[in-house]
Amino acid sequence: MEHVRSVLPAVLRKRGVLEHAMASLVLVRAASLLKRDFPKLEGRLRVKSFDEQGVLTIVAKDSVALALLRLRTESLTHTLERSFEGQLSLRIVAKRG
């Protein structure tokens, strides 16, 4: 019997929604990482978007949150990429907004 991990991507690809599902999963995992890694900044950091070029945009409400996010951008990138087992290459952009 095939494992769900191999069947699900095939079904999503066949239906033409694999990229959309992956983008949604990136957003959910990124939000979860922000909540875990920056508990004191909850509400001051927001995952905004993930585009076709692999750019994940995270918005900070103030300069302190932005500075802390920029310090951890590289480690967040590696953590997210590892969670997708090499199926994803991304770049995080931190913005003030």
Protein backbone atom coordinates (compact mmCIF):
# COMPACT_ATOMS: atom_id res chain seq x y z
CA MET A 1 0.00 0.00 0.00
CA GLU A 2 1.28 3.43 -0.91
CA HIS A 3 2.10 5.84 1.87
CA VAL A 4 -0.04 8.98 2.17
CA ARG A 5 3.11 11.07 1.85
CA SER A 6 3.61 9.85 -1.70
CA VAL A 7 -0.06 9.69 -2.74
CA LEU A 8 -1.18 13.13 -1.58
CA PRO A 9 1.29 15.18 -3.65
CA ALA A 10 0.41 13.13 -6.74
CA VAL A 11 -3.31 13.75 -6.23
CA LEU A 12 -2.78 17.46 -5.60
CA ARG A 13 -0.53 17.76 -8.67
CA LYS A 14 -3.14 15.95 -10.80
CA ARG A 15 -5.80 18.40 -9.63
CA GLY A 16 -3.49 21.36 -10.26
CA VAL A 17 -3.40 22.59 -6.68
CA LEU A 18 -0.05 21.30 -5.41
CA GLU A 19 1.64 24.72 -5.53
CA HIS A 20 -1.27 26.36 -3.71
CA ALA A 21 -1.25 23.65 -1.03
CA MET A 22 2.53 23.97 -0.57
CA ALA A 23 2.26 27.77 -0.27
CA SER A 24 -0.46 27.42 2.36
CA LEU A 25 1.64 24.92 4.28
CA VAL A 26 4.64 27.29 4.17
CA LEU A 27 2.50 30.08 5.64
CA VAL A 28 1.13 27.86 8.41
CA ARG A 29 4.55 26.47 9.35
CA ALA A 30 6.14 29.93 9.27
CA ALA A 31 3.44 31.34 11.57
CA SER A 32 3.95 28.41 13.92
CA LEU A 33 7.72 28.99 13.99
CA LEU A 34 7.26 32.69 14.72
CA LYS A 35 4.92 31.88 17.59
CA ARG A 36 7.39 29.32 18.96
CA ASP A 37 10.59 31.34 18.47
CA PHE A 38 9.23 34.80 19.32
CA PRO A 39 6.58 34.27 22.02
CA LYS A 40 7.03 37.78 23.42
CA LEU A 41 6.47 39.30 19.97
CA GLU A 42 3.15 37.59 19.32
CA GLY A 43 0.91 40.03 17.52
CA ARG A 44 3.88 42.14 16.41
CA LEU A 45 5.04 39.75 13.65
CA ARG A 46 2.75 38.52 10.86
CA VAL A 47 3.35 36.15 7.98
CA LYS A 48 2.04 38.05 4.97
CA SER A 49 2.66 36.08 1.79
CA PHE A 50 4.60 33.42 -0.08
CA ASP A 51 5.07 33.91 -3.82
CA GLU A 52 6.02 31.77 -6.82
CA GLN A 53 9.69 32.76 -6.56
CA GLY A 54 9.91 31.31 -3.06
CA VAL A 55 9.87 34.63 -1.21
CA LEU A 56 8.19 34.51 2.20
CA THR A 57 7.26 37.98 3.44
CA ILE A 58 6.96 38.61 7.18
CA VAL A 59 5.73 41.97 8.42
CA ALA A 60 6.81 43.51 11.73
CA LYS A 61 4.68 46.14 13.45
CA ASP A 62 7.63 48.01 14.96
CA SER A 63 11.37 48.44 14.59
CA VAL A 64 12.24 46.27 17.60
CA ALA A 65 10.29 43.30 16.21
CA LEU A 66 11.84 43.91 12.78
CA ALA A 67 15.37 43.97 14.19
CA LEU A 68 14.85 40.75 16.15
CA LEU A 69 13.31 39.05 13.11
CA ARG A 70 16.22 40.07 10.89
CA LEU A 71 18.67 38.57 13.38
CA ARG A 72 16.92 35.21 13.09
CA THR A 73 15.98 35.23 9.38
CA GLU A 74 18.72 32.83 8.33
CA SER A 75 17.91 30.25 11.02
CA LEU A 76 14.18 30.51 10.26
CA THR A 77 14.91 29.94 6.58
CA HIS A 78 16.95 26.81 7.30
CA THR A 79 14.35 25.46 9.73
CA LEU A 80 11.54 25.90 7.20
CA GLU A 81 13.55 24.38 4.36
CA ARG A 82 14.44 21.36 6.53
CA SER A 83 10.80 20.86 7.44
CA PHE A 84 10.04 20.36 3.74
CA GLU A 85 12.84 17.78 3.35
CA GLY A 86 14.60 19.57 0.50
CA GLN A 87 11.45 20.13 -1.58
CA LEU A 88 11.53 23.86 -0.98
CA SER A 89 14.00 26.67 -1.41
CA LEU A 90 12.94 30.00 0.01
CA ARG A 91 14.05 33.46 0.97
CA ILE A 92 12.54 35.43 3.85
CA VAL A 93 11.93 39.15 3.46
CA ALA A 94 11.31 41.10 6.67
CA LYS A 95 9.40 44.35 6.27
CA ARG A 96 7.97 46.99 8.54
CA GLY A 97 4.27 47.50 8.16
